[in-house]
Amino acid sequence: MTDPADEAPQQPTAFELVGGEARVRELVDRFYDLMDLEPEFKELRAMHPTTLDGSRDKLFWFLCGWLGGPDHYVERFGHPRLRARHMPYAIASLDRDQWVRCMAWAMEEVGLPEPLRERLVHSFFDTADWMRNRPG
């Protein structure tokens, strides 16, 4: 039997480091606001529906679980199957880069600490890169 005092303390999840659901929602909302407002994201914006409400909710639900919090997305839709769900959209390196840049900007604007932003941008890049399904 191990002594609980000998166990290493649990490291906080990225969800906890971000600040929980309210902060994930703030991040997602800022991400979509930037996508909607900034001309440098026009190609990325064009891939989305006219209204972004559904996209906002789905990304919020997904990110909560992806960051180590509640699995809202899985509870509603099952396994994310990210690549399969994104296959109908022609995604190239430009689209990946716009998505990652928009998220990096949103993370900065909502005030996530720089070490956390750096960690997350690498993970976001890897995930976004996996979504690419066309050359260029």
Protein backbone atom coordinates (compact mmCIF):
# COMPACT_ATOMS: atom_id res chain seq x y z
CA MET A 1 0.00 0.00 0.00
CA THR A 2 1.34 3.41 -0.89
CA ASP A 3 1.25 6.40 1.37
CA PRO A 4 -0.75 9.26 -0.25
CA ALA A 5 1.96 11.64 0.94
CA ASP A 6 4.43 9.78 -1.33
CA GLU A 7 2.33 10.28 -4.46
CA ALA A 8 3.26 13.07 -6.86
CA PRO A 9 0.75 15.92 -6.94
CA GLN A 10 -1.61 15.93 -9.92
CA GLN A 11 -0.60 18.37 -12.62
CA PRO A 12 -3.44 20.71 -13.62
CA THR A 13 -5.03 20.04 -16.99
CA ALA A 14 -4.81 22.58 -19.79
CA PHE A 15 -8.56 23.11 -19.20
CA GLU A 16 -7.81 24.16 -15.62
CA LEU A 17 -4.85 26.30 -16.69
CA VAL A 18 -7.00 28.09 -19.26
CA GLY A 19 -9.54 28.85 -16.53
CA GLY A 20 -12.43 26.44 -17.06
CA GLU A 21 -15.55 26.68 -19.17
CA ALA A 22 -16.04 30.43 -18.94
CA ARG A 23 -12.53 31.09 -20.25
CA VAL A 24 -12.81 28.44 -22.99
CA ARG A 25 -16.03 30.13 -24.12
CA GLU A 26 -14.28 33.52 -24.07
CA LEU A 27 -11.43 32.08 -26.14
CA VAL A 28 -13.77 30.51 -28.70
CA ASP A 29 -15.84 33.67 -28.98
CA ARG A 30 -12.74 35.81 -29.52
CA PHE A 31 -11.44 33.30 -32.10
CA TYR A 32 -14.64 33.56 -34.15
CA ASP A 33 -14.86 37.32 -33.69
CA LEU A 34 -11.35 37.69 -35.11
CA MET A 35 -12.16 35.30 -37.95
CA ASP A 36 -15.25 37.35 -38.77
CA LEU A 37 -13.56 40.76 -38.51
CA GLU A 38 -9.98 40.44 -39.72
CA PRO A 39 -9.31 40.40 -43.48
CA GLU A 40 -6.28 38.15 -43.07
CA PHE A 41 -8.67 35.30 -42.17
CA LYS A 42 -11.02 35.72 -45.14
CA GLU A 43 -10.26 32.31 -46.67
CA LEU A 44 -10.80 30.62 -43.32
CA ARG A 45 -14.04 32.56 -42.76
CA ALA A 46 -15.31 31.55 -46.19
CA MET A 47 -15.16 27.88 -45.15
CA HIS A 48 -17.73 28.52 -42.40
CA PRO A 49 -21.50 29.05 -42.48
CA THR A 50 -22.95 32.56 -42.71
CA THR A 51 -23.80 32.49 -39.02
CA LEU A 52 -21.11 31.21 -36.67
CA ASP A 53 -23.32 30.30 -33.69
CA GLY A 54 -23.22 26.55 -34.35
CA SER A 55 -19.50 26.63 -35.05
CA ARG A 56 -18.90 28.52 -31.81
CA ASP A 57 -20.80 25.95 -29.79
CA LYS A 58 -19.15 22.95 -31.44
CA LEU A 59 -15.64 24.33 -30.97
CA PHE A 60 -16.42 25.23 -27.35
CA TRP A 61 -17.77 21.75 -26.63
CA PHE A 62 -14.82 20.14 -28.39
CA LEU A 63 -12.13 22.27 -26.75
CA CYS A 64 -13.49 21.66 -23.25
CA GLY A 65 -12.78 17.94 -23.68
CA TRP A 66 -9.63 18.34 -25.77
CA LEU A 67 -8.12 20.50 -23.04
CA GLY A 68 -8.91 17.91 -20.37
CA GLY A 69 -12.27 19.17 -19.11
CA PRO A 70 -15.82 17.90 -19.59
CA ASP A 71 -16.51 15.90 -22.76
CA HIS A 72 -19.46 17.99 -23.93
CA TYR A 73 -18.78 17.25 -27.60
CA VAL A 74 -18.53 13.48 -27.13
CA GLU A 75 -21.73 13.48 -25.06
CA ARG A 76 -23.59 15.19 -27.92
CA PHE A 77 -22.00 13.71 -31.04
CA GLY A 78 -19.78 10.78 -30.08
CA HIS A 79 -16.11 10.55 -30.98
CA PRO A 80 -14.93 13.76 -32.67
CA ARG A 81 -13.45 11.98 -35.73
CA LEU A 82 -11.85 15.33 -36.60
CA ARG A 83 -10.26 14.34 -39.88
CA ALA A 84 -13.39 12.61 -41.16
CA ARG A 85 -15.62 15.53 -40.15
CA HIS A 86 -13.33 18.00 -41.93
CA MET A 87 -12.92 15.91 -45.10
CA PRO A 88 -15.73 17.74 -46.98
CA TYR A 89 -13.68 20.97 -46.74
CA ALA A 90 -10.63 21.52 -48.92
CA ILE A 91 -7.98 22.33 -46.29
CA ALA A 92 -4.47 23.33 -47.38
CA SER A 93 -1.50 24.79 -45.52
CA LEU A 94 -2.86 28.35 -45.90
CA ASP A 95 -6.09 27.33 -44.17
CA ARG A 96 -4.18 25.54 -41.41
CA ASP A 97 -1.95 28.56 -40.89
CA GLN A 98 -4.88 30.98 -40.79
CA TRP A 99 -6.66 28.79 -38.21
CA VAL A 100 -3.58 28.56 -36.00
CA ARG A 101 -2.81 32.29 -36.36
CA CYS A 102 -6.38 33.22 -35.49
CA MET A 103 -6.33 30.96 -32.41
CA ALA A 104 -2.91 32.27 -31.32
CA TRP A 105 -4.22 35.83 -31.59
CA ALA A 106 -7.36 34.93 -29.63
CA MET A 107 -5.30 33.26 -26.89
CA GLU A 108 -3.15 36.37 -26.60
CA GLU A 109 -6.14 38.71 -26.51
CA VAL A 110 -7.96 36.78 -23.78
CA GLY A 111 -4.77 36.92 -21.71
CA LEU A 112 -3.62 33.32 -21.53
CA PRO A 113 -0.11 33.17 -20.06
CA GLU A 114 2.64 32.98 -22.68
CA PRO A 115 3.98 29.55 -21.66
CA LEU A 116 0.47 28.09 -21.93
CA ARG A 117 -0.11 29.81 -25.28
CA GLU A 118 3.16 28.40 -26.58
CA ARG A 119 2.25 24.89 -25.44
CA LEU A 120 -1.23 25.11 -26.93
CA VAL A 121 -0.18 26.62 -30.25
CA HIS A 122 2.08 23.60 -30.85
CA SER A 123 -0.79 21.23 -30.10
CA PHE A 124 -3.21 23.27 -32.22
CA PHE A 125 -0.73 23.28 -35.10
CA ASP A 126 -0.29 19.50 -34.96
CA THR A 127 -4.06 18.98 -34.93
CA ALA A 128 -4.68 21.54 -37.69
CA ASP A 129 -1.90 20.02 -39.77
CA TRP A 130 -3.60 16.63 -39.53
CA MET A 131 -6.76 18.24 -41.01
CA ARG A 132 -4.98 19.17 -44.26
CA ASN A 133 -6.42 17.17 -47.15
CA ARG A 134 -5.14 18.95 -50.23
CA PRO A 135 -1.69 20.01 -51.43
CA GLY A 136 -0.38 23.49 -50.97
